[in-house]
Amino acid sequence: MSNSIKIRGVLVLFCLLLALASLAPTLMRDALPGWWLKAFDPIHLGLDLQGGMHLVLGVDVDKAVESRLDSTIDQVDTLLRDEDVVFKRIERLSAEALAITVYDQQAAAEVDALMQENFSSLEAMTVGGEGGYIRKNYRFSDREIVQIKDYAVRQALETMRNRVDQFGVSEPLLQRQSDNRILIQLPGVKDPQRAVDLLGKTARLEFKLVAENADPSLAAKGQLPAGTSLLYERRVDSRTGQVTEIPLVVYERSVLTGDLLSDAQVRIDTRFNEPYVAIDFNAVGAQRFDQVTAANVGKRMAIVLDDTIYSAPSIRERISGGSAQISGSFTEQEATDLAIVLRAGSLPAPVRILEDRTVGPSLGHDSIAQGIKSVLIGGVLVILLMLVYYRGAGLVANVALALNVVFILAMLSLFKATLTLPGLAGIVLTVGMAVDANVLIFERVREELRHGKTARNAIDAGFAKAFVTIVDANITTLIAALVLFQFGTGPVKGFAVTLSIGILASMFTAIFVARWIFDLFLEGRKVEKLSI
């Protein structure tokens, strides 16, 4: 046997063993050792095959504009005080505009100069005023509003992706859609309600000082001091699980926000054996936390998440190092979910669940059964046709076809691709296309045999003359499949995955494996006639 045939045989055997090894976790997961399962993943099934959740979320981009304006108002207030500009007040006129009231024209000119230099995204509007005061009005430009809304959706998508990654869902699908919507598909989710709670939580973390002298009962009369608001502290009885809410008046201005967090982890309080969330600030946050605690020793600081106070401890001393903790009679799962959303970051704007569907696994099992049935029926018909029409050579084509299906499934596992219902359709199509190359080769071989060539020469000429045509046809189809994968969504992408992999596998089996089988059969034999 020639060295060329031996080397090619070893390569084919290696590919087959690798394919079987990668498919083993899918076929016999429970019988494999742990190291095998770590080295090879089972084939991941899409939402339509294994069940899961289908969510469409709407991002409230108008709230993002409001939040940006509130942040800008705080920055303007700080800037004017740092520059010793005398002003009466800063207020929000609408979701997009603010007003600065000053006492005279000189202060108005100073405000204009500072705003133009430091806040180029704000446009000056008409000047108003009353009672001898001058009110300077500023509004976000139309371009800035569009950018804020676009950024809010993109940041919400990234935050959702971080939460899903930490939630532990394999092969999730997250895509931005029109009208500020986000599509999320979570295959194999076992607890849909927990996923909804985790993804829908805004998770805006704020640290606010408690207004100790304010009476919460004044909130009903609308008589709370200016710059304060009424929130409720959430307390859970560890024995009965009953939740109570205690009213607290806090200052509206946040002294610190969750944007400055670097990490959040669940810890266990050894004294009470209850979980809490330990948070660490980044360098900027640690410095700010140090300054705030140093300036407010003896006061209470409320830790607020989505307008709910989780705890309001007293600041006993200056806290350096940039670490704090959030406690609130959590269950372990509540603490874990809170840590996840804090690590992933807060949403820039609230989201609403517009569509929530749970796909049952039974539907997926039916789809898999029907898909396997279609592959088997298509494969059997192709095998019978090749045996009847090409006889012995058809047997070679059928062996290559069987290997083709094995290699497709193996590459889905190795590349960690997701098999979907349209992907099964792609495999069925590939089964039909897989023998096209063999048909081209066999017809060329028949033509050479009719011209009087020997069996070996006819095989050589048939493969050589059909090679360019096979590569050309498959490459053009592969390009189309790659375009579908790049620009398609959902079902289209699932179809493109198996089609692309199937084309590569069929080229390998039809050109390389089939040729090796013919060479192995002809090696050392004087064959007068081919069964083709």
Protein backbone atom coordinates (compact mmCIF):
# COMPACT_ATOMS: atom_id res chain seq x y z
CA MET A 1 0.00 0.00 0.00
CA SER A 2 1.40 3.42 -0.95
CA ASN A 3 2.29 6.01 1.67
CA SER A 4 -0.25 8.44 0.20
CA ILE A 5 -3.13 6.06 0.83
CA LYS A 6 -1.88 5.32 4.36
CA ILE A 7 -1.57 9.01 5.25
CA ARG A 8 -5.02 9.80 3.85
CA GLY A 9 -6.46 6.79 5.66
CA VAL A 10 -4.98 7.97 8.97
CA LEU A 11 -6.47 11.45 8.37
CA VAL A 12 -9.93 10.03 7.64
CA LEU A 13 -9.71 7.77 10.71
CA PHE A 14 -8.62 10.71 12.89
CA CYS A 15 -11.53 12.86 11.68
CA LEU A 16 -13.96 10.01 12.32
CA LEU A 17 -12.65 9.35 15.85
CA LEU A 18 -12.72 13.09 16.65
CA ALA A 19 -16.28 13.28 15.36
CA LEU A 20 -17.42 10.33 17.45
CA ALA A 21 -15.66 11.72 20.53
CA SER A 22 -17.39 15.09 20.13
CA LEU A 23 -20.80 13.43 19.60
CA ALA A 24 -20.47 11.13 22.61
CA PRO A 25 -21.71 13.77 25.17
CA THR A 26 -24.85 14.21 23.05
CA LEU A 27 -25.54 10.48 22.66
CA MET A 28 -24.39 9.01 25.99
CA ARG A 29 -23.78 11.86 28.42
CA ASP A 30 -24.38 9.89 31.64
CA ALA A 31 -21.85 7.17 30.78
CA LEU A 32 -18.88 9.52 30.19
CA PRO A 33 -16.21 10.63 32.69
CA GLY A 34 -16.03 14.26 33.80
CA TRP A 35 -12.89 15.14 31.80
CA TRP A 36 -14.63 14.05 28.58
CA LEU A 37 -17.60 16.32 29.25
CA LYS A 38 -15.23 19.22 29.90
CA ALA A 39 -13.38 18.64 26.64
CA PHE A 40 -16.49 18.29 24.43
CA ASP A 41 -19.87 19.97 24.69
CA PRO A 42 -23.13 18.32 23.66
CA ILE A 43 -24.99 19.80 20.71
CA HIS A 44 -26.83 22.89 21.87
CA LEU A 45 -30.49 22.94 20.91
CA GLY A 46 -32.32 26.12 20.05
CA LEU A 47 -35.43 27.51 21.68
CA ASP A 48 -37.70 25.78 19.17
CA LEU A 49 -36.21 22.35 19.97
CA GLN A 50 -35.64 22.29 23.73
CA GLY A 51 -38.15 24.88 24.93
CA GLY A 52 -37.45 28.04 26.87
CA MET A 53 -38.46 31.70 26.93
CA HIS A 54 -39.18 34.23 24.21
CA LEU A 55 -39.22 37.84 25.45
CA VAL A 56 -39.64 41.17 23.70
CA LEU A 57 -38.67 44.14 25.87
CA GLY A 58 -39.43 47.79 25.20
CA VAL A 59 -36.93 50.40 26.41
CA ASP A 60 -38.48 53.61 27.76
CA VAL A 61 -36.00 55.92 26.02
CA ASP A 62 -37.85 59.06 27.17
CA LYS A 63 -36.88 58.19 30.74
CA ALA A 64 -33.26 57.93 29.59
CA VAL A 65 -33.46 61.53 28.35
CA GLU A 66 -34.95 62.60 31.70
CA SER A 67 -32.18 60.81 33.62
CA ARG A 68 -29.51 62.46 31.48
CA LEU A 69 -31.10 65.85 32.11
CA ASP A 70 -31.20 65.24 35.89
CA SER A 71 -27.54 64.29 35.80
CA THR A 72 -26.77 67.41 33.77
CA ILE A 73 -28.65 69.58 36.28
CA ASP A 74 -26.46 68.20 39.09
CA GLN A 75 -23.33 68.89 37.05
CA VAL A 76 -24.47 72.44 36.24
CA ASP A 77 -25.24 73.09 39.92
CA THR A 78 -21.76 71.91 40.95
CA LEU A 79 -20.07 73.92 38.18
CA LEU A 80 -21.83 77.18 39.05
CA ARG A 81 -20.98 76.81 42.72
CA ASP A 82 -17.34 76.00 41.94
CA GLU A 83 -17.12 79.09 39.69
CA ASP A 84 -18.81 81.30 42.35
CA VAL A 85 -21.68 82.24 40.05
CA VAL A 86 -24.59 83.62 42.08
CA PHE A 87 -27.90 82.07 41.03
CA LYS A 88 -31.34 81.62 42.56
CA ARG A 89 -32.24 78.11 41.42
CA ILE A 90 -31.93 75.42 38.73
CA GLU A 91 -35.05 73.57 37.69
CA ARG A 92 -36.27 71.16 35.04
CA LEU A 93 -38.75 72.60 32.58
CA SER A 94 -39.48 69.35 30.74
CA ALA A 95 -37.86 66.01 29.98
CA GLU A 96 -35.48 67.82 27.60
CA ALA A 97 -35.02 71.34 29.00
CA LEU A 98 -33.77 73.08 32.13
CA ALA A 99 -33.86 76.65 33.44
CA ILE A 100 -31.33 78.61 35.48
CA THR A 101 -32.69 81.64 37.34
CA VAL A 102 -30.18 84.42 38.15
CA TYR A 103 -30.39 87.89 39.66
CA ASP A 104 -28.80 90.15 37.04
CA GLN A 105 -27.41 90.42 33.51
CA GLN A 106 -23.82 89.88 34.63
CA ALA A 107 -24.66 86.52 36.17
CA ALA A 108 -26.68 85.63 33.05
CA ALA A 109 -23.66 86.34 30.84
CA GLU A 110 -21.44 84.20 33.09
CA VAL A 111 -23.96 81.35 32.92
CA ASP A 112 -24.09 81.60 29.11
CA ALA A 113 -20.30 81.45 28.85
CA LEU A 114 -19.97 78.46 31.18
CA MET A 115 -22.82 76.55 29.52
CA GLN A 116 -21.41 77.12 26.05
CA GLU A 117 -17.95 75.99 27.15
CA ASN A 118 -18.91 72.92 29.21
CA PHE A 119 -22.28 71.74 27.87
CA SER A 120 -22.18 71.96 24.09
CA SER A 121 -25.08 69.48 23.82
CA LEU A 122 -27.45 72.09 25.30
CA GLU A 123 -28.93 74.82 23.13
CA ALA A 124 -29.93 78.21 24.53
CA MET A 125 -33.65 78.96 24.29
CA THR A 126 -35.66 82.12 24.86
CA VAL A 127 -34.85 84.13 27.98
CA GLY A 128 -37.66 84.57 30.46
CA GLY A 129 -38.05 85.89 33.96
CA GLU A 130 -40.35 87.42 36.52
CA GLY A 131 -40.11 89.68 39.53
CA GLY A 132 -36.82 91.19 38.37
CA TYR A 133 -35.11 87.79 37.96
CA ILE A 134 -33.64 86.47 34.70
CA ARG A 135 -34.33 82.89 33.67
CA LYS A 136 -31.99 81.26 31.16
CA ASN A 137 -33.54 78.27 29.37
CA TYR A 138 -31.53 75.46 27.78
CA ARG A 139 -32.61 72.40 25.84
CA PHE A 140 -30.91 69.27 24.51
CA SER A 141 -30.33 69.51 20.76
CA ASP A 142 -32.34 67.17 18.53
CA ARG A 143 -29.15 65.35 17.60
CA GLU A 144 -28.24 64.86 21.27
CA ILE A 145 -31.71 63.49 22.06
CA VAL A 146 -31.41 60.95 19.24
CA GLN A 147 -27.97 59.91 20.48
CA ILE A 148 -29.19 59.56 24.08
CA LYS A 149 -32.08 57.34 23.01
CA ASP A 150 -29.89 55.21 20.74
CA TYR A 151 -27.27 54.81 23.47
CA ALA A 152 -29.97 53.84 25.97
CA VAL A 153 -31.10 50.94 23.78
CA ARG A 154 -27.53 49.81 23.07
CA GLN A 155 -26.57 50.00 26.74
CA ALA A 156 -29.75 48.16 27.74
CA LEU A 157 -28.89 45.40 25.25
CA GLU A 158 -25.36 45.10 26.64
CA THR A 159 -26.63 45.09 30.22
CA MET A 160 -29.16 42.38 29.36
CA ARG A 161 -26.40 40.33 27.73
CA ASN A 162 -24.26 40.61 30.88
CA ARG A 163 -27.17 39.52 33.07
CA VAL A 164 -28.01 36.56 30.83
CA ASP A 165 -24.34 35.47 30.75
CA GLN A 166 -24.21 35.47 34.56
CA PHE A 167 -27.62 33.78 34.76
CA GLY A 168 -26.00 30.75 33.09
CA VAL A 169 -28.11 30.25 29.95
CA SER A 170 -26.29 28.52 27.10
CA GLU A 171 -26.62 29.91 23.59
CA PRO A 172 -29.01 32.81 24.34
CA LEU A 173 -30.20 35.09 21.55
CA LEU A 174 -30.29 38.85 22.16
CA GLN A 175 -31.04 41.20 19.28
CA ARG A 176 -32.05 44.79 18.87
CA GLN A 177 -35.27 45.36 16.95
CA SER A 178 -37.05 48.43 15.64
CA ASP A 179 -39.09 50.79 17.86
CA ASN A 180 -36.55 50.56 20.71
CA ARG A 181 -37.26 46.88 21.31
CA ILE A 182 -34.97 44.04 22.37
CA LEU A 183 -35.61 40.38 21.49
CA ILE A 184 -34.37 37.81 24.01
CA GLN A 185 -34.59 34.04 23.61
CA LEU A 186 -33.43 31.83 26.48
CA PRO A 187 -33.35 28.13 25.57
CA GLY A 188 -33.76 25.63 28.39
CA VAL A 189 -34.74 28.10 31.12
CA LYS A 190 -36.24 26.15 34.04
CA ASP A 191 -37.56 29.10 36.07
CA PRO A 192 -39.25 31.60 33.70
CA GLN A 193 -40.46 33.94 36.45
CA ARG A 194 -36.96 34.34 37.89
CA ALA A 195 -35.65 35.18 34.42
CA VAL A 196 -38.38 37.80 33.95
CA ASP A 197 -37.63 39.37 37.34
CA LEU A 198 -33.90 39.38 36.63
CA LEU A 199 -34.16 40.93 33.18
CA GLY A 200 -36.91 43.42 33.95
CA LYS A 201 -35.25 44.96 37.01
CA THR A 202 -33.81 48.42 36.34
CA ALA A 203 -31.30 47.95 39.19
CA ARG A 204 -30.54 51.63 39.71
CA LEU A 205 -28.52 51.69 42.94
CA GLU A 206 -28.33 54.98 44.82
CA PHE A 207 -26.99 56.12 48.17
CA LYS A 208 -29.06 58.90 49.71
CA LEU A 209 -28.89 60.66 53.06
CA VAL A 210 -31.91 60.33 55.34
CA ALA A 211 -33.67 63.57 56.30
CA GLU A 212 -33.80 62.77 60.01
CA ASN A 213 -35.97 65.72 61.07
CA ALA A 214 -38.61 65.31 58.34
CA ASP A 215 -41.94 63.78 59.32
CA PRO A 216 -43.06 61.07 56.80
CA SER A 217 -46.71 61.84 57.58
CA LEU A 218 -46.33 65.24 55.88
CA ALA A 219 -46.00 63.48 52.52
CA ALA A 220 -49.77 62.90 52.36
CA LYS A 221 -50.31 66.65 52.77
CA GLY A 222 -47.62 67.55 50.24
CA GLN A 223 -45.63 69.39 52.90
CA LEU A 224 -42.29 67.61 52.76
CA PRO A 225 -39.22 69.88 52.84
CA ALA A 226 -37.92 70.97 49.43
CA GLY A 227 -35.46 68.55 47.87
CA THR A 228 -36.76 65.50 49.76
CA SER A 229 -39.01 62.58 48.87
CA LEU A 230 -40.75 59.72 50.64
CA LEU A 231 -39.46 56.17 50.12
CA TYR A 232 -40.10 52.91 51.96
CA GLU A 233 -37.60 50.67 53.70
CA ARG A 234 -38.20 47.00 52.96
CA ARG A 235 -37.89 44.64 55.93
CA VAL A 236 -38.53 40.90 55.90
CA ASP A 237 -39.23 38.86 59.03
CA SER A 238 -36.75 35.97 58.89
CA ARG A 239 -39.13 33.63 60.74
CA THR A 240 -42.47 34.32 59.04
CA GLY A 241 -41.25 35.80 55.76
CA GLN A 242 -43.67 38.72 56.18
CA VAL A 243 -42.59 41.90 54.40
CA THR A 244 -43.15 45.28 56.07
CA GLU A 245 -42.47 48.73 54.65
CA ILE A 246 -41.30 51.59 56.84
CA PRO A 247 -41.62 55.14 55.46
CA LEU A 248 -38.46 57.24 55.40
CA VAL A 249 -37.85 60.73 54.05
CA VAL A 250 -34.60 61.00 52.07
CA TYR A 251 -32.90 63.76 50.15
CA GLU A 252 -33.60 63.46 46.43
CA ARG A 253 -30.02 64.12 45.45
CA SER A 254 -27.92 60.96 45.39
CA VAL A 255 -24.52 61.19 47.04
CA LEU A 256 -23.36 58.07 45.19
CA THR A 257 -24.73 55.78 42.45
CA GLY A 258 -24.20 52.19 41.35
CA ASP A 259 -22.37 53.35 38.22
CA LEU A 260 -19.23 53.50 40.35
CA LEU A 261 -19.36 49.83 41.41
CA SER A 262 -16.61 47.42 40.39
CA ASP A 263 -17.96 44.19 41.91
CA ALA A 264 -20.80 42.67 43.91
CA GLN A 265 -20.69 39.28 45.63
CA VAL A 266 -22.93 37.29 47.96
CA ARG A 267 -21.59 36.77 51.47
CA ILE A 268 -22.99 35.06 54.59
CA ASP A 269 -23.33 36.99 57.85
CA THR A 270 -21.90 34.52 60.39
CA ARG A 271 -23.72 36.20 63.29
CA PHE A 272 -27.22 35.78 61.90
CA ASN A 273 -26.47 33.18 59.21
CA GLU A 274 -28.14 35.39 56.59
CA PRO A 275 -26.84 36.29 53.12
CA TYR A 276 -25.96 39.84 52.18
CA VAL A 277 -24.41 41.51 49.13
CA ALA A 278 -20.88 42.87 49.52
CA ILE A 279 -20.10 45.67 47.05
CA ASP A 280 -16.80 47.21 46.03
CA PHE A 281 -16.43 50.63 44.39
CA ASN A 282 -13.95 51.55 41.70
CA ALA A 283 -11.24 54.14 42.40
CA VAL A 284 -13.53 57.11 41.81
CA GLY A 285 -16.36 55.56 43.81
CA ALA A 286 -14.07 54.63 46.71
CA GLN A 287 -12.81 58.21 46.95
CA ARG A 288 -16.33 59.60 46.81
CA PHE A 289 -17.59 57.08 49.41
CA ASP A 290 -14.71 58.06 51.69
CA GLN A 291 -15.60 61.76 51.36
CA VAL A 292 -19.33 61.22 51.91
CA THR A 293 -18.93 59.06 55.01
CA ALA A 294 -16.32 61.43 56.48
CA ALA A 295 -18.66 64.43 56.07
CA ASN A 296 -21.76 62.68 57.45
CA VAL A 297 -20.64 60.75 60.54
CA GLY A 298 -23.63 60.15 62.82
CA LYS A 299 -26.19 60.44 60.01
CA ARG A 300 -28.11 57.65 58.31
CA MET A 301 -27.45 56.69 54.70
CA ALA A 302 -30.18 54.90 52.75
CA ILE A 303 -29.15 52.25 50.23
CA VAL A 304 -31.83 52.55 47.54
CA LEU A 305 -32.42 50.09 44.70
CA ASP A 306 -35.16 51.01 42.21
CA ASP A 307 -36.75 53.46 44.69
CA THR A 308 -36.89 50.84 47.45
CA ILE A 309 -34.71 51.22 50.55
CA TYR A 310 -33.00 47.95 51.40
CA SER A 311 -31.22 49.27 54.46
CA ALA A 312 -30.51 52.63 56.09
CA PRO A 313 -27.58 52.18 58.50
CA SER A 314 -26.00 54.95 60.55
CA ILE A 315 -22.53 56.13 59.54
CA ARG A 316 -20.50 55.51 62.70
CA GLU A 317 -17.13 56.44 61.24
CA ARG A 318 -15.32 57.36 58.07
CA ILE A 319 -15.23 54.36 55.71
CA SER A 320 -12.13 54.03 53.55
CA GLY A 321 -11.27 51.24 51.15
CA GLY A 322 -14.36 51.51 48.96
CA SER A 323 -16.37 48.58 50.37
CA ALA A 324 -19.93 48.42 51.68
CA GLN A 325 -22.69 45.88 52.11
CA ILE A 326 -26.40 45.63 51.34
CA SER A 327 -28.48 43.62 53.78
CA GLY A 328 -32.21 43.21 53.92
CA SER A 329 -33.25 39.75 55.09
CA PHE A 330 -32.57 38.23 51.67
CA THR A 331 -33.02 34.64 50.69
CA GLU A 332 -29.90 33.20 49.07
CA GLN A 333 -31.48 33.37 45.60
CA GLU A 334 -32.59 37.00 46.11
CA ALA A 335 -29.08 37.94 47.18
CA THR A 336 -27.59 36.09 44.19
CA ASP A 337 -29.93 37.81 41.73
CA LEU A 338 -29.22 41.22 43.28
CA ALA A 339 -25.47 40.62 42.94
CA ILE A 340 -25.96 39.61 39.30
CA VAL A 341 -27.83 42.76 38.32
CA LEU A 342 -25.38 44.99 40.21
CA ARG A 343 -22.37 43.36 38.54
CA ALA A 344 -24.02 43.57 35.14
CA GLY A 345 -24.85 47.25 35.66
CA SER A 346 -28.07 49.18 35.95
CA LEU A 347 -30.32 49.77 32.98
CA PRO A 348 -30.11 53.32 31.60
CA ALA A 349 -33.91 53.42 31.35
CA PRO A 350 -36.83 51.28 32.53
CA VAL A 351 -37.88 48.37 30.32
CA ARG A 352 -41.34 46.93 29.80
CA ILE A 353 -42.05 43.33 28.87
CA LEU A 354 -44.11 43.64 25.70
CA GLU A 355 -44.22 39.93 24.84
CA ASP A 356 -43.59 36.92 27.03
CA ARG A 357 -43.92 33.39 25.62
CA THR A 358 -42.79 30.13 27.11
CA VAL A 359 -42.10 27.36 24.62
CA GLY A 360 -42.75 23.95 26.15
CA PRO A 361 -40.12 21.22 25.72
CA SER A 362 -42.79 18.81 24.42
CA LEU A 363 -43.09 20.92 21.27
CA GLY A 364 -39.33 20.71 20.90
CA HIS A 365 -39.39 16.91 21.26
CA ASP A 366 -42.03 16.66 18.54
CA SER A 367 -39.94 18.92 16.30
CA ILE A 368 -36.83 16.81 16.87
CA ALA A 369 -38.76 13.60 16.13
CA GLN A 370 -40.20 15.04 12.91
CA GLY A 371 -36.79 16.43 11.92
CA ILE A 372 -35.02 13.11 12.47
CA LYS A 373 -37.79 11.37 10.55
CA SER A 374 -37.36 13.73 7.59
CA VAL A 375 -33.58 13.26 7.60
CA LEU A 376 -33.97 9.46 7.67
CA ILE A 377 -36.57 9.38 4.90
CA GLY A 378 -34.52 11.73 2.72
CA GLY A 379 -31.34 9.79 3.42
CA VAL A 380 -32.90 6.39 2.66
CA LEU A 381 -34.32 7.63 -0.63
CA VAL A 382 -30.95 9.08 -1.68
CA ILE A 383 -29.14 5.89 -0.66
CA LEU A 384 -31.51 3.65 -2.64
CA LEU A 385 -31.31 5.87 -5.70
CA MET A 386 -27.49 5.89 -5.65
CA LEU A 387 -27.33 2.09 -5.22
CA VAL A 388 -29.77 1.47 -8.07
CA TYR A 389 -28.24 3.96 -10.49
CA TYR A 390 -24.50 3.69 -9.72
CA ARG A 391 -24.30 0.21 -8.15
CA GLY A 392 -20.86 -0.33 -6.56
CA ALA A 393 -19.84 3.31 -6.93
CA GLY A 394 -23.16 4.24 -5.34
CA LEU A 395 -22.10 2.26 -2.26
CA VAL A 396 -18.99 4.47 -2.03
CA ALA A 397 -21.20 7.56 -2.31
CA ASN A 398 -23.46 6.26 0.46
CA VAL A 399 -20.52 5.69 2.80
CA ALA A 400 -19.41 9.27 2.10
CA LEU A 401 -22.99 10.45 2.75
CA ALA A 402 -23.13 8.71 6.13
CA LEU A 403 -19.80 10.24 7.12
CA ASN A 404 -21.08 13.60 5.93
CA VAL A 405 -23.99 13.55 8.40
CA VAL A 406 -21.67 12.44 11.22
CA PHE A 407 -19.22 15.26 10.45
CA ILE A 408 -22.01 17.87 10.31
CA LEU A 409 -23.28 16.93 13.76
CA ALA A 410 -19.72 16.77 15.11
CA MET A 411 -18.89 20.26 13.83
CA LEU A 412 -22.06 21.62 15.44
CA SER A 413 -20.69 20.31 18.73
CA LEU A 414 -17.08 21.42 18.18
CA PHE A 415 -18.04 24.95 17.07
CA LYS A 416 -20.62 25.23 19.87
CA ALA A 417 -23.26 26.10 17.28
CA THR A 418 -26.96 25.89 18.04
CA LEU A 419 -29.18 23.38 16.24
CA THR A 420 -32.60 24.84 15.48
CA LEU A 421 -35.65 23.61 13.60
CA PRO A 422 -34.58 25.46 10.42
CA GLY A 423 -31.15 23.94 11.04
CA LEU A 424 -32.70 20.49 10.71
CA ALA A 425 -34.10 21.66 7.37
CA GLY A 426 -30.56 22.67 6.42
CA ILE A 427 -29.33 19.14 7.21
CA VAL A 428 -32.09 17.62 5.07
CA LEU A 429 -31.08 19.91 2.20
CA THR A 430 -27.43 19.02 2.71
CA VAL A 431 -28.22 15.31 2.51
CA GLY A 432 -29.68 15.90 -0.95
CA MET A 433 -26.81 18.15 -2.01
CA ALA A 434 -24.12 15.86 -0.63
CA VAL A 435 -24.37 13.41 -3.52
CA ASP A 436 -24.28 16.13 -6.20
CA ALA A 437 -20.50 16.09 -6.21
CA ASN A 438 -20.46 12.29 -6.49
CA VAL A 439 -22.90 12.45 -9.40
CA LEU A 440 -20.59 14.88 -11.24
CA ILE A 441 -17.58 12.67 -10.57
CA PHE A 442 -19.32 9.41 -11.53
CA GLU A 443 -20.65 10.85 -14.80
CA ARG A 444 -17.14 12.02 -15.69
CA VAL A 445 -15.78 8.55 -14.87
CA ARG A 446 -18.46 6.94 -17.07
CA GLU A 447 -17.50 9.27 -19.89
CA GLU A 448 -13.83 8.34 -19.58
CA LEU A 449 -14.68 4.62 -19.51
CA ARG A 450 -16.70 5.03 -22.70
CA HIS A 451 -13.56 6.50 -24.30
CA GLY A 452 -11.72 3.25 -23.57
CA LYS A 453 -9.63 4.25 -20.58
CA THR A 454 -8.72 1.82 -17.83
CA ALA A 455 -10.51 1.87 -14.47
CA ARG A 456 -7.64 3.67 -12.68
CA ASN A 457 -7.18 6.26 -15.43
CA ALA A 458 -10.93 6.84 -15.59
CA ILE A 459 -11.06 7.45 -11.81
CA ASP A 460 -8.11 9.86 -11.98
CA ALA A 461 -9.58 11.79 -14.89
CA GLY A 462 -13.10 11.83 -13.44
CA PHE A 463 -12.03 13.34 -10.13
CA ALA A 464 -9.63 15.80 -11.80
CA LYS A 465 -12.15 17.13 -14.34
CA ALA A 466 -15.03 17.37 -11.85
CA PHE A 467 -12.96 19.05 -9.14
CA VAL A 468 -13.17 22.63 -10.47
CA THR A 469 -16.92 22.37 -11.11
CA ILE A 470 -17.55 20.96 -7.61
CA VAL A 471 -15.49 23.64 -5.87
CA ASP A 472 -17.08 26.42 -7.91
CA ALA A 473 -20.65 25.28 -7.20
CA ASN A 474 -20.06 24.73 -3.49
CA ILE A 475 -18.12 27.95 -2.92
CA THR A 476 -20.90 30.07 -4.43
CA THR A 477 -23.47 28.29 -2.24
CA LEU A 478 -21.19 28.75 0.78
CA ILE A 479 -20.94 32.49 0.11
CA ALA A 480 -24.74 32.73 0.00
CA ALA A 481 -24.97 30.78 3.29
CA LEU A 482 -22.43 33.08 4.95
CA VAL A 483 -24.39 36.14 3.84
CA LEU A 484 -27.54 34.61 5.34
CA PHE A 485 -25.65 33.96 8.57
CA GLN A 486 -24.25 37.50 8.74
CA PHE A 487 -27.43 39.41 8.01
CA GLY A 488 -30.15 36.91 8.88
CA THR A 489 -31.88 36.62 12.22
CA GLY A 490 -33.37 33.75 14.19
CA PRO A 491 -34.57 30.95 11.89
CA VAL A 492 -32.58 32.22 8.89
CA LYS A 493 -29.34 32.15 10.86
CA GLY A 494 -30.07 28.63 12.15
CA PHE A 495 -30.59 27.43 8.58
CA ALA A 496 -27.39 29.15 7.43
CA VAL A 497 -25.31 27.47 10.17
CA THR A 498 -26.09 23.90 9.17
CA LEU A 499 -25.98 24.73 5.46
CA SER A 500 -22.48 26.22 5.76
CA ILE A 501 -21.18 23.33 7.84
CA GLY A 502 -22.91 20.82 5.53
CA ILE A 503 -21.24 22.28 2.42
CA LEU A 504 -17.78 22.01 3.98
CA ALA A 505 -18.44 18.45 5.18
CA SER A 506 -19.86 17.32 1.82
CA MET A 507 -16.85 18.69 -0.09
CA PHE A 508 -14.51 16.81 2.22
CA THR A 509 -16.39 13.51 2.01
CA ALA A 510 -17.15 13.64 -1.74
CA ILE A 511 -13.73 14.70 -2.94
CA PHE A 512 -11.33 13.40 -0.31
CA VAL A 513 -13.00 10.42 1.38
CA ALA A 514 -14.62 8.97 -1.77
CA ARG A 515 -11.33 9.25 -3.69
CA TRP A 516 -9.49 7.51 -0.87
CA ILE A 517 -12.00 4.62 -0.92
CA PHE A 518 -11.56 4.18 -4.69
CA ASP A 519 -7.75 4.31 -4.40
CA LEU A 520 -7.83 1.80 -1.54
CA PHE A 521 -10.00 -0.56 -3.63
CA LEU A 522 -7.80 -0.24 -6.76
CA GLU A 523 -4.45 -0.45 -4.94
CA GLY A 524 -2.62 -3.65 -5.95
CA ARG A 525 -5.51 -4.95 -8.05
CA LYS A 526 -5.91 -5.21 -11.80
CA VAL A 527 -9.50 -4.08 -12.22
CA GLU A 528 -10.84 -4.45 -15.73
CA LYS A 529 -14.33 -3.09 -15.12
CA LEU A 530 -15.88 -0.71 -12.62
CA SER A 531 -19.36 -1.17 -11.16
CA ILE A 532 -20.60 2.31 -11.93
